[in-house]
Amino acid sequence: IDITLTNGYAREEDIRVVGTKSFTTSVSVRGTKAVIDRLTADDINLRADTSAITRAGTYSDIRVTWDANLNYTITNVTTPTITLECDTWTSSSFPVKADIRTVKTADEQNQRLGTPLIEAEYIQDGAVTIEGPSAVMAQIATVQARVQEEQTISEVQAFSATLVALNEQGEEVDLTECTVVGAENQTLTVTVPVLVYRR
């Protein structure tokens, strides 16, 4: 059962289902042997009645419905109701800072790391736009381009990095339900220069 919100107000307010967006159930049907023998799962169209969903929140007892069919009758559905979590989708832009704590210079007495350069097609003017459920978006305090692996360098070098969102406590925010606008994935490049002290 693929979940679609049908209420016009919910669509106008950009309310969407959070988490599981499809469910599986089993049905019992009654009809002639000739019809039942040819019947497949693709022939049975079930849907969730989401007409009452108008705002963010948890909705239990959402009924599973179907259209009447002249050739057979659905007599039982093992999951007659489902529970849905819904939220309003919002978007915000965040400046992206480089997290290069895993990078160090080969000669720490005579070298130091310069200001890193962050590059990705979806980063505009040093910021990234993220859209997703308002409950998740409200948690995001900062966004980082994080170089994951330990690296030792003696000259300028570019690294693959991962976009990471953090809350006020510095904990990572789960962006599973979110979309980075303009990005097919959340990989980006961080170029780290090395400055050499002259004596």
N, C-alpha and C. Protein backbone atom coordinates (compact mmCIF):
# COMPACT_ATOMS: atom_id res chain seq x y z
N ILE A 1 0.86 -1.18 0.00
CA ILE A 1 0.00 0.00 0.00
C ILE A 1 0.89 1.24 0.00
N ASP A 2 0.92 1.97 -1.09
CA ASP A 2 1.67 3.21 -1.14
C ASP A 2 0.82 4.33 -0.56
N ILE A 3 1.42 5.13 0.32
CA ILE A 3 0.67 6.16 1.04
C ILE A 3 0.71 7.48 0.27
N THR A 4 -0.47 8.04 0.02
CA THR A 4 -0.59 9.35 -0.61
C THR A 4 -1.56 10.20 0.20
N LEU A 5 -1.15 11.41 0.54
CA LEU A 5 -2.06 12.31 1.26
C LEU A 5 -3.00 12.95 0.24
N THR A 6 -4.29 12.83 0.49
CA THR A 6 -5.28 13.26 -0.48
C THR A 6 -5.99 14.56 -0.11
N ASN A 7 -5.90 14.98 1.15
CA ASN A 7 -6.59 16.19 1.57
C ASN A 7 -5.95 17.41 0.91
N GLY A 8 -6.77 18.26 0.28
CA GLY A 8 -6.25 19.42 -0.43
C GLY A 8 -5.51 20.39 0.47
N TYR A 9 -6.00 20.58 1.69
CA TYR A 9 -5.34 21.50 2.63
C TYR A 9 -3.96 20.97 3.00
N ALA A 10 -3.87 19.67 3.24
CA ALA A 10 -2.57 19.07 3.58
C ALA A 10 -1.57 19.28 2.45
N ARG A 11 -2.03 19.17 1.24
CA ARG A 11 -1.13 19.38 0.09
C ARG A 11 -0.70 20.83 0.00
N GLU A 12 -1.63 21.75 0.23
CA GLU A 12 -1.29 23.18 0.18
C GLU A 12 -0.27 23.54 1.25
N GLU A 13 -0.39 22.93 2.42
CA GLU A 13 0.52 23.22 3.52
C GLU A 13 1.81 22.39 3.44
N ASP A 14 1.94 21.60 2.40
CA ASP A 14 3.12 20.75 2.17
C ASP A 14 3.36 19.81 3.35
N ILE A 15 2.29 19.16 3.78
CA ILE A 15 2.38 18.14 4.82
C ILE A 15 2.64 16.80 4.14
N ARG A 16 3.61 16.05 4.67
CA ARG A 16 3.98 14.77 4.06
C ARG A 16 4.12 13.70 5.14
N VAL A 17 4.15 12.47 4.69
CA VAL A 17 4.33 11.34 5.60
C VAL A 17 5.80 11.22 5.97
N VAL A 18 6.07 11.03 7.25
CA VAL A 18 7.43 10.84 7.75
C VAL A 18 7.63 9.36 8.05
N GLY A 19 8.78 8.84 7.70
CA GLY A 19 9.07 7.44 7.99
C GLY A 19 8.52 6.53 6.91
N THR A 20 7.90 5.44 7.31
CA THR A 20 7.40 4.44 6.37
C THR A 20 6.31 5.02 5.49
N LYS A 21 6.53 4.93 4.18
CA LYS A 21 5.58 5.51 3.22
C LYS A 21 4.85 4.43 2.42
N SER A 22 5.06 3.18 2.78
CA SER A 22 4.31 2.08 2.16
C SER A 22 4.20 0.94 3.16
N PHE A 23 3.14 0.18 3.04
CA PHE A 23 2.87 -0.93 3.94
C PHE A 23 2.49 -2.16 3.13
N THR A 24 2.72 -3.32 3.73
CA THR A 24 2.34 -4.58 3.10
C THR A 24 1.30 -5.27 3.96
N THR A 25 0.29 -5.83 3.33
CA THR A 25 -0.74 -6.57 4.05
C THR A 25 -1.17 -7.77 3.21
N SER A 26 -1.97 -8.62 3.79
CA SER A 26 -2.52 -9.77 3.07
C SER A 26 -4.03 -9.65 3.04
N VAL A 27 -4.64 -10.18 1.97
CA VAL A 27 -6.08 -10.11 1.85
C VAL A 27 -6.65 -11.49 1.55
N SER A 28 -7.89 -11.67 1.93
CA SER A 28 -8.65 -12.87 1.55
C SER A 28 -9.71 -12.43 0.55
N VAL A 29 -9.86 -13.20 -0.52
CA VAL A 29 -10.84 -12.83 -1.55
C VAL A 29 -11.77 -14.01 -1.82
N ARG A 30 -12.95 -13.68 -2.32
CA ARG A 30 -13.93 -14.70 -2.69
C ARG A 30 -14.41 -14.44 -4.11
N GLY A 31 -14.47 -15.48 -4.89
CA GLY A 31 -14.93 -15.36 -6.27
C GLY A 31 -14.91 -16.71 -6.94
N THR A 32 -15.17 -16.73 -8.22
CA THR A 32 -15.16 -18.00 -8.95
C THR A 32 -13.72 -18.49 -9.07
N LYS A 33 -13.56 -19.80 -9.20
CA LYS A 33 -12.23 -20.39 -9.30
C LYS A 33 -11.48 -19.83 -10.50
N ALA A 34 -12.17 -19.62 -11.59
CA ALA A 34 -11.50 -19.10 -12.79
C ALA A 34 -10.91 -17.72 -12.54
N VAL A 35 -11.63 -16.88 -11.80
CA VAL A 35 -11.13 -15.54 -11.48
C VAL A 35 -10.00 -15.60 -10.47
N ILE A 36 -10.19 -16.35 -9.41
CA ILE A 36 -9.18 -16.42 -8.34
C ILE A 36 -7.87 -16.99 -8.86
N ASP A 37 -7.95 -17.99 -9.75
CA ASP A 37 -6.73 -18.60 -10.28
C ASP A 37 -5.89 -17.60 -11.08
N ARG A 38 -6.54 -16.62 -11.67
CA ARG A 38 -5.81 -15.63 -12.47
C ARG A 38 -5.41 -14.40 -11.67
N LEU A 39 -5.92 -14.28 -10.47
CA LEU A 39 -5.72 -13.08 -9.67
C LEU A 39 -4.29 -13.00 -9.14
N THR A 40 -3.67 -11.82 -9.22
CA THR A 40 -2.34 -11.58 -8.66
C THR A 40 -2.40 -10.37 -7.73
N ALA A 41 -1.33 -10.16 -6.99
CA ALA A 41 -1.27 -9.02 -6.07
C ALA A 41 -1.42 -7.69 -6.81
N ASP A 42 -0.93 -7.62 -8.04
CA ASP A 42 -1.03 -6.37 -8.82
C ASP A 42 -2.47 -6.03 -9.18
N ASP A 43 -3.35 -7.03 -9.15
CA ASP A 43 -4.75 -6.79 -9.51
C ASP A 43 -5.56 -6.17 -8.37
N ILE A 44 -5.02 -6.26 -7.16
CA ILE A 44 -5.75 -5.79 -5.98
C ILE A 44 -5.20 -4.43 -5.57
N ASN A 45 -6.02 -3.41 -5.67
CA ASN A 45 -5.59 -2.04 -5.38
C ASN A 45 -6.14 -1.58 -4.03
N LEU A 46 -5.27 -1.59 -3.03
CA LEU A 46 -5.64 -1.08 -1.71
C LEU A 46 -5.08 0.31 -1.54
N ARG A 47 -5.69 1.09 -0.69
CA ARG A 47 -5.18 2.43 -0.40
C ARG A 47 -5.54 2.81 1.03
N ALA A 48 -4.78 3.76 1.54
CA ALA A 48 -5.06 4.27 2.89
C ALA A 48 -5.93 5.51 2.76
N ASP A 49 -6.97 5.58 3.56
CA ASP A 49 -7.88 6.73 3.54
C ASP A 49 -7.26 7.86 4.37
N THR A 50 -6.56 8.75 3.69
CA THR A 50 -5.86 9.85 4.38
C THR A 50 -6.62 11.16 4.29
N SER A 51 -7.87 11.11 3.96
CA SER A 51 -8.66 12.34 3.75
C SER A 51 -8.77 13.20 5.02
N ALA A 52 -8.63 12.58 6.20
CA ALA A 52 -8.77 13.33 7.46
C ALA A 52 -7.45 13.97 7.91
N ILE A 53 -6.36 13.69 7.22
CA ILE A 53 -5.06 14.25 7.62
C ILE A 53 -4.95 15.67 7.08
N THR A 54 -4.92 16.64 7.99
CA THR A 54 -4.88 18.05 7.61
C THR A 54 -3.72 18.81 8.23
N ARG A 55 -3.01 18.18 9.15
CA ARG A 55 -1.92 18.89 9.84
C ARG A 55 -0.87 17.89 10.31
N ALA A 56 0.25 18.41 10.81
CA ALA A 56 1.30 17.54 11.32
C ALA A 56 0.83 16.80 12.55
N GLY A 57 1.32 15.59 12.74
CA GLY A 57 0.96 14.82 13.92
C GLY A 57 0.94 13.33 13.63
N THR A 58 0.57 12.57 14.64
CA THR A 58 0.46 11.12 14.52
C THR A 58 -1.00 10.74 14.33
N TYR A 59 -1.26 9.96 13.30
CA TYR A 59 -2.63 9.55 13.00
C TYR A 59 -2.72 8.03 13.09
N SER A 60 -3.50 7.55 14.04
CA SER A 60 -3.71 6.12 14.17
C SER A 60 -5.08 5.77 13.57
N ASP A 61 -5.29 4.49 13.36
CA ASP A 61 -6.57 4.01 12.83
C ASP A 61 -6.91 4.59 11.45
N ILE A 62 -5.87 4.78 10.63
CA ILE A 62 -6.10 5.15 9.23
C ILE A 62 -6.60 3.90 8.50
N ARG A 63 -7.80 3.96 7.96
CA ARG A 63 -8.42 2.78 7.37
C ARG A 63 -7.82 2.43 6.01
N VAL A 64 -7.69 1.13 5.79
CA VAL A 64 -7.30 0.61 4.48
C VAL A 64 -8.58 0.36 3.69
N THR A 65 -8.67 0.94 2.51
CA THR A 65 -9.89 0.82 1.71
C THR A 65 -9.56 0.27 0.32
N TRP A 66 -10.61 -0.03 -0.42
CA TRP A 66 -10.44 -0.52 -1.78
C TRP A 66 -11.74 -0.30 -2.54
N ASP A 67 -11.64 -0.35 -3.86
CA ASP A 67 -12.82 -0.21 -4.71
C ASP A 67 -13.48 -1.57 -4.88
N ALA A 68 -14.80 -1.58 -4.94
CA ALA A 68 -15.52 -2.83 -5.17
C ALA A 68 -15.20 -3.36 -6.57
N ASN A 69 -15.15 -4.66 -6.67
CA ASN A 69 -14.86 -5.31 -7.96
C ASN A 69 -15.98 -6.31 -8.27
N LEU A 70 -16.44 -6.29 -9.50
CA LEU A 70 -17.55 -7.15 -9.88
C LEU A 70 -17.16 -8.62 -9.97
N ASN A 71 -15.86 -8.88 -10.13
CA ASN A 71 -15.41 -10.25 -10.36
C ASN A 71 -15.05 -11.00 -9.09
N TYR A 72 -14.74 -10.27 -8.03
CA TYR A 72 -14.37 -10.91 -6.77
C TYR A 72 -14.67 -9.97 -5.61
N THR A 73 -14.67 -10.51 -4.41
CA THR A 73 -14.93 -9.71 -3.21
C THR A 73 -13.80 -9.90 -2.21
N ILE A 74 -13.29 -8.80 -1.68
CA ILE A 74 -12.29 -8.87 -0.61
C ILE A 74 -13.04 -9.08 0.70
N THR A 75 -12.75 -10.19 1.35
CA THR A 75 -13.48 -10.54 2.57
C THR A 75 -12.72 -10.21 3.84
N ASN A 76 -11.38 -10.05 3.73
CA ASN A 76 -10.61 -9.77 4.93
C ASN A 76 -9.28 -9.13 4.56
N VAL A 77 -8.85 -8.19 5.38
CA VAL A 77 -7.52 -7.56 5.24
C VAL A 77 -6.82 -7.72 6.58
N THR A 78 -5.62 -8.30 6.57
CA THR A 78 -4.95 -8.58 7.84
C THR A 78 -4.53 -7.32 8.58
N THR A 79 -4.32 -6.22 7.83
CA THR A 79 -3.98 -4.95 8.46
C THR A 79 -5.05 -3.94 8.06
N PRO A 80 -6.19 -3.92 8.75
CA PRO A 80 -7.30 -3.05 8.33
C PRO A 80 -7.04 -1.57 8.61
N THR A 81 -6.13 -1.28 9.57
CA THR A 81 -5.79 0.12 9.87
C THR A 81 -4.28 0.25 10.03
N ILE A 82 -3.78 1.45 9.78
CA ILE A 82 -2.34 1.72 9.94
C ILE A 82 -2.17 3.03 10.70
N THR A 83 -0.95 3.27 11.18
CA THR A 83 -0.62 4.51 11.87
C THR A 83 0.39 5.28 11.03
N LEU A 84 0.14 6.57 10.86
CA LEU A 84 1.02 7.42 10.06
C LEU A 84 1.52 8.60 10.88
N GLU A 85 2.78 8.95 10.64
CA GLU A 85 3.37 10.16 11.23
C GLU A 85 3.53 11.18 10.12
N CYS A 86 3.01 12.38 10.34
CA CYS A 86 3.06 13.42 9.30
C CYS A 86 3.70 14.69 9.85
N ASP A 87 4.33 15.45 8.97
CA ASP A 87 4.94 16.71 9.38
C ASP A 87 4.91 17.68 8.21
N THR A 88 5.07 18.95 8.54
CA THR A 88 5.14 19.98 7.51
C THR A 88 6.56 20.09 6.98
N TRP A 89 6.69 20.15 5.68
CA TRP A 89 8.02 20.27 5.07
C TRP A 89 8.43 21.73 5.00
N THR A 90 9.66 22.02 5.43
CA THR A 90 10.20 23.38 5.37
C THR A 90 11.60 23.31 4.78
N SER A 91 12.15 24.46 4.43
CA SER A 91 13.52 24.51 3.91
C SER A 91 14.25 25.69 4.51
N SER A 92 15.57 25.54 4.68
CA SER A 92 16.41 26.61 5.22
C SER A 92 17.80 26.49 4.62
N SER A 93 18.50 27.62 4.58
CA SER A 93 19.88 27.64 4.12
C SER A 93 20.81 27.74 5.32
N PHE A 94 21.91 27.00 5.25
CA PHE A 94 22.89 26.99 6.34
C PHE A 94 24.29 27.20 5.78
N PRO A 95 25.10 28.05 6.42
CA PRO A 95 26.50 28.14 6.01
C PRO A 95 27.21 26.82 6.31
N VAL A 96 28.13 26.44 5.44
CA VAL A 96 28.84 25.17 5.60
C VAL A 96 30.27 25.47 6.06
N LYS A 97 30.66 24.85 7.16
CA LYS A 97 32.02 25.00 7.68
C LYS A 97 32.77 23.68 7.51
N ALA A 98 34.06 23.76 7.28
CA ALA A 98 34.87 22.56 7.10
C ALA A 98 35.27 21.99 8.45
N ASP A 99 35.12 20.69 8.59
CA ASP A 99 35.60 19.96 9.77
C ASP A 99 36.81 19.15 9.32
N ILE A 100 38.00 19.66 9.62
CA ILE A 100 39.24 18.99 9.18
C ILE A 100 40.07 18.55 10.38
N ARG A 101 39.37 18.15 11.44
CA ARG A 101 40.09 17.70 12.65
C ARG A 101 40.92 16.46 12.40
N THR A 102 40.59 15.70 11.37
CA THR A 102 41.34 14.48 11.07
C THR A 102 42.57 14.74 10.22
N VAL A 103 42.76 15.98 9.80
CA VAL A 103 43.89 16.32 8.93
C VAL A 103 44.96 17.04 9.74
N LYS A 104 46.22 16.63 9.55
CA LYS A 104 47.34 17.30 10.22
C LYS A 104 48.50 17.42 9.26
N THR A 105 49.45 18.30 9.60
CA THR A 105 50.61 18.50 8.75
C THR A 105 51.70 17.49 9.09
N ALA A 106 52.55 17.22 8.10
CA ALA A 106 53.66 16.28 8.32
C ALA A 106 54.72 16.88 9.23
N ASP A 107 54.87 18.20 9.19
CA ASP A 107 55.87 18.88 10.01
C ASP A 107 55.17 19.97 10.81
N GLU A 108 54.73 19.62 12.00
CA GLU A 108 53.91 20.53 12.77
C GLU A 108 54.68 21.74 13.31
N GLN A 109 56.01 21.66 13.33
CA GLN A 109 56.81 22.79 13.79
C GLN A 109 56.95 23.86 12.71
N ASN A 110 56.96 23.46 11.46
CA ASN A 110 57.20 24.40 10.37
C ASN A 110 56.01 24.56 9.41
N GLN A 111 54.95 23.82 9.65
CA GLN A 111 53.79 23.90 8.77
C GLN A 111 52.51 24.04 9.58
N ARG A 112 51.55 24.65 8.97
CA ARG A 112 50.22 24.68 9.56
C ARG A 112 49.19 24.65 8.44
N LEU A 113 47.99 24.23 8.80
CA LEU A 113 46.92 24.13 7.81
C LEU A 113 46.34 25.51 7.53
N GLY A 114 46.08 25.77 6.25
CA GLY A 114 45.45 27.03 5.86
C GLY A 114 43.94 26.92 5.90
N THR A 115 43.27 27.94 5.42
CA THR A 115 41.81 27.96 5.40
C THR A 115 41.29 27.01 4.32
N PRO A 116 40.51 26.03 4.68
CA PRO A 116 40.04 25.05 3.69
C PRO A 116 39.00 25.66 2.74
N LEU A 117 38.96 25.12 1.52
CA LEU A 117 37.99 25.53 0.50
C LEU A 117 36.99 24.40 0.30
N ILE A 118 35.71 24.70 0.44
CA ILE A 118 34.66 23.69 0.29
C ILE A 118 34.01 23.86 -1.09
N GLU A 119 33.91 22.75 -1.82
CA GLU A 119 33.35 22.81 -3.17
C GLU A 119 32.31 21.71 -3.38
N ALA A 120 31.19 22.10 -3.94
CA ALA A 120 30.14 21.17 -4.38
C ALA A 120 29.17 21.97 -5.23
N GLU A 121 28.55 21.32 -6.21
CA GLU A 121 27.64 22.03 -7.10
C GLU A 121 26.46 22.63 -6.34
N TYR A 122 26.07 21.98 -5.26
CA TYR A 122 24.87 22.44 -4.55
C TYR A 122 25.16 23.48 -3.48
N ILE A 123 26.43 23.85 -3.31
CA ILE A 123 26.78 24.90 -2.35
C ILE A 123 26.86 26.23 -3.09
N GLN A 124 26.05 27.18 -2.67
CA GLN A 124 26.01 28.49 -3.27
C GLN A 124 26.38 29.55 -2.23
N ASP A 125 27.41 30.35 -2.55
CA ASP A 125 27.87 31.41 -1.64
C ASP A 125 28.18 30.85 -0.26
N GLY A 126 28.76 29.64 -0.22
CA GLY A 126 29.17 29.04 1.04
C GLY A 126 28.06 28.45 1.87
N ALA A 127 26.85 28.35 1.29
CA ALA A 127 25.71 27.84 2.05
C ALA A 127 25.02 26.71 1.29
N VAL A 128 24.31 25.89 2.03
CA VAL A 128 23.57 24.78 1.46
C VAL A 128 22.11 24.89 1.89
N THR A 129 21.20 24.51 1.00
CA THR A 129 19.78 24.54 1.32
C THR A 129 19.30 23.12 1.58
N ILE A 130 18.67 22.93 2.73
CA ILE A 130 18.15 21.62 3.12
C ILE A 130 16.65 21.75 3.33
N GLU A 131 15.91 20.75 2.87
CA GLU A 131 14.47 20.73 3.11
C GLU A 131 14.08 19.40 3.73
N GLY A 132 13.07 19.45 4.60
CA GLY A 132 12.65 18.23 5.27
C GLY A 132 11.59 18.52 6.32
N PRO A 133 11.26 17.53 7.14
CA PRO A 133 10.24 17.71 8.19
C PRO A 133 10.64 18.83 9.15
N SER A 134 9.68 19.64 9.53
CA SER A 134 9.98 20.78 10.41
C SER A 134 10.59 20.34 11.73
N ALA A 135 10.19 19.17 12.24
CA ALA A 135 10.74 18.68 13.50
C ALA A 135 12.24 18.38 13.38
N VAL A 136 12.67 17.93 12.23
CA VAL A 136 14.09 17.67 12.00
C VAL A 136 14.82 18.97 11.72
N MET A 137 14.24 19.80 10.87
CA MET A 137 14.89 21.06 10.51
C MET A 137 15.14 21.94 11.73
N ALA A 138 14.23 21.89 12.70
CA ALA A 138 14.37 22.71 13.90
C ALA A 138 15.56 22.29 14.74
N GLN A 139 16.04 21.07 14.55
CA GLN A 139 17.18 20.59 15.33
C GLN A 139 18.52 21.07 14.78
N ILE A 140 18.56 21.44 13.50
CA ILE A 140 19.83 21.76 12.85
C ILE A 140 20.34 23.12 13.31
N ALA A 141 21.54 23.12 13.89
CA ALA A 141 22.19 24.36 14.33
C ALA A 141 23.32 24.74 13.40
N THR A 142 24.12 23.75 12.98
CA THR A 142 25.24 24.00 12.07
C THR A 142 25.35 22.87 11.07
N VAL A 143 26.01 23.16 9.95
CA VAL A 143 26.26 22.15 8.93
C VAL A 143 27.75 22.15 8.62
N GLN A 144 28.33 20.96 8.56
CA GLN A 144 29.77 20.82 8.33
C GLN A 144 30.06 19.95 7.12
N ALA A 145 31.21 20.24 6.50
CA ALA A 145 31.78 19.35 5.49
C ALA A 145 32.89 18.59 6.20
N ARG A 146 32.63 17.34 6.53
CA ARG A 146 33.53 16.58 7.42
C ARG A 146 34.43 15.63 6.63
N VAL A 147 35.74 15.80 6.82
CA VAL A 147 36.72 14.84 6.29
C VAL A 147 36.80 13.70 7.29
N GLN A 148 36.43 12.49 6.86
CA GLN A 148 36.24 11.39 7.80
C GLN A 148 37.54 10.70 8.22
N GLU A 149 38.47 10.51 7.28
CA GLU A 149 39.64 9.68 7.56
C GLU A 149 40.82 10.51 8.04
N GLU A 150 41.67 9.86 8.84
CA GLU A 150 42.90 10.50 9.30
C GLU A 150 43.82 10.75 8.10
N GLN A 151 44.34 11.97 7.99
CA GLN A 151 45.19 12.35 6.86
C GLN A 151 46.38 13.16 7.35
N THR A 152 47.55 12.88 6.78
CA THR A 152 48.75 13.67 7.05
C THR A 152 49.26 14.22 5.73
N ILE A 153 49.40 15.55 5.66
CA ILE A 153 49.78 16.17 4.39
C ILE A 153 50.94 17.14 4.58
N SER A 154 51.69 17.35 3.49
CA SER A 154 52.78 18.32 3.51
C SER A 154 52.59 19.39 2.43
N GLU A 155 51.55 19.23 1.62
CA GLU A 155 51.21 20.21 0.60
C GLU A 155 49.71 20.21 0.41
N VAL A 156 49.22 21.17 -0.37
CA VAL A 156 47.78 21.31 -0.57
C VAL A 156 47.20 20.00 -1.11
N GLN A 157 46.03 19.62 -0.57
CA GLN A 157 45.42 18.36 -0.98
C GLN A 157 43.90 18.46 -0.86
N ALA A 158 43.21 17.81 -1.81
CA ALA A 158 41.75 17.79 -1.81
C ALA A 158 41.25 16.46 -1.26
N PHE A 159 40.22 16.53 -0.45
CA PHE A 159 39.65 15.33 0.18
C PHE A 159 38.15 15.26 -0.10
N SER A 160 37.65 14.04 -0.21
CA SER A 160 36.20 13.85 -0.23
C SER A 160 35.69 14.03 1.19
N ALA A 161 34.57 14.69 1.31
CA ALA A 161 34.00 14.95 2.64
C ALA A 161 32.50 14.64 2.61
N THR A 162 31.94 14.55 3.79
CA THR A 162 30.52 14.25 3.94
C THR A 162 29.81 15.41 4.60
N LEU A 163 28.63 15.73 4.11
CA LEU A 163 27.84 16.80 4.71
C LEU A 163 27.19 16.28 5.98
N VAL A 164 27.40 16.99 7.08
CA VAL A 164 26.89 16.57 8.38
C VAL A 164 26.17 17.74 9.04
N ALA A 165 24.99 17.48 9.57
CA ALA A 165 24.24 18.49 10.31
C ALA A 165 24.34 18.19 11.80
N LEU A 166 24.52 19.24 12.59
CA LEU A 166 24.66 19.09 14.04
C LEU A 166 23.63 19.94 14.77
N ASN A 167 23.22 19.46 15.95
CA ASN A 167 22.32 20.26 16.78
C ASN A 167 23.12 21.15 17.72
N GLU A 168 22.43 21.84 18.61
CA GLU A 168 23.10 22.77 19.52
C GLU A 168 24.10 22.08 20.44
N GLN A 169 23.87 20.80 20.71
CA GLN A 169 24.78 20.05 21.59
C GLN A 169 25.95 19.42 20.83
N GLY A 170 26.01 19.66 19.53
CA GLY A 170 27.08 19.09 18.73
C GLY A 170 26.83 17.66 18.31
N GLU A 171 25.61 17.18 18.50
CA GLU A 171 25.26 15.81 18.10
C GLU A 171 24.75 15.81 16.67
N GLU A 172 25.03 14.71 15.96
CA GLU A 172 24.64 14.63 14.56
C GLU A 172 23.12 14.48 14.43
N VAL A 173 22.55 15.23 13.48
CA VAL A 173 21.12 15.17 13.20
C VAL A 173 20.89 14.21 12.04
N ASP A 174 19.95 13.31 12.20
CA ASP A 174 19.63 12.33 11.16
C ASP A 174 18.90 13.04 10.01
N LEU A 175 19.52 13.03 8.83
CA LEU A 175 18.95 13.69 7.67
C LEU A 175 18.28 12.72 6.70
N THR A 176 17.93 11.54 7.20
CA THR A 176 17.33 10.52 6.34
C THR A 176 16.10 11.04 5.61
N GLU A 177 15.27 11.81 6.29
CA GLU A 177 14.03 12.31 5.70
C GLU A 177 14.23 13.61 4.93
N CYS A 178 15.45 14.15 4.98
CA CYS A 178 15.71 15.46 4.38
C CYS A 178 16.35 15.33 2.99
N THR A 179 16.28 16.42 2.27
CA THR A 179 16.89 16.50 0.94
C THR A 179 17.80 17.71 0.89
N VAL A 180 19.01 17.51 0.38
CA VAL A 180 19.91 18.62 0.11
C VAL A 180 19.57 19.13 -1.29
N VAL A 181 19.06 20.33 -1.37
CA VAL A 181 18.56 20.85 -2.64
C VAL A 181 19.69 20.93 -3.67
N GLY A 182 19.45 20.32 -4.82
CA GLY A 182 20.41 20.36 -5.91
C GLY A 182 21.48 19.30 -5.85
N ALA A 183 21.41 18.40 -4.87
CA ALA A 183 22.45 17.38 -4.70
C ALA A 183 21.91 15.99 -4.99
N GLU A 184 22.63 15.25 -5.84
CA GLU A 184 22.28 13.85 -6.06
C GLU A 184 22.76 13.00 -4.89
N ASN A 185 23.84 13.43 -4.24
CA ASN A 185 24.32 12.81 -3.01
C ASN A 185 24.92 13.92 -2.16
N GLN A 186 25.37 13.58 -0.98
CA GLN A 186 25.86 14.61 -0.06
C GLN A 186 27.38 14.64 0.01
N THR A 187 28.04 14.12 -1.02
CA THR A 187 29.50 14.15 -1.06
C THR A 187 29.98 15.48 -1.60
N LEU A 188 31.06 15.97 -1.07
CA LEU A 188 31.64 17.23 -1.53
C LEU A 188 33.15 17.17 -1.35
N THR A 189 33.84 18.19 -1.83
CA THR A 189 35.31 18.22 -1.80
C THR A 189 35.78 19.34 -0.88
N VAL A 190 36.74 19.02 -0.02
CA VAL A 190 37.37 20.02 0.83
C VAL A 190 38.86 20.05 0.46
N THR A 191 39.31 21.21 0.00
CA THR A 191 40.73 21.39 -0.35
C THR A 191 41.42 22.10 0.80
N VAL A 192 42.48 21.46 1.30
CA VAL A 192 43.18 21.98 2.48
C VAL A 192 44.59 22.42 2.07
N PRO A 193 44.90 23.71 2.17
CA PRO A 193 46.25 24.18 1.86
C PRO A 193 47.19 24.00 3.05
N VAL A 194 48.47 23.97 2.79
CA VAL A 194 49.49 23.89 3.84
C VAL A 194 50.36 25.14 3.76
N LEU A 195 50.47 25.83 4.88
CA LEU A 195 51.30 27.02 4.96
C LEU A 195 52.63 26.65 5.62
N VAL A 196 53.72 27.18 5.06
CA VAL A 196 55.05 26.86 5.57
C VAL A 196 55.64 28.09 6.22
N TYR A 197 56.14 27.92 7.47
CA TYR A 197 56.77 29.03 8.17
C TYR A 197 58.18 29.23 7.61
N ARG A 198 58.51 30.49 7.32
CA ARG A 198 59.85 30.83 6.86
C ARG A 198 60.64 31.44 8.00
N ARG A 199 61.82 30.91 8.23
CA ARG A 199 62.67 31.43 9.32
C ARG A 199 63.69 32.42 8.80
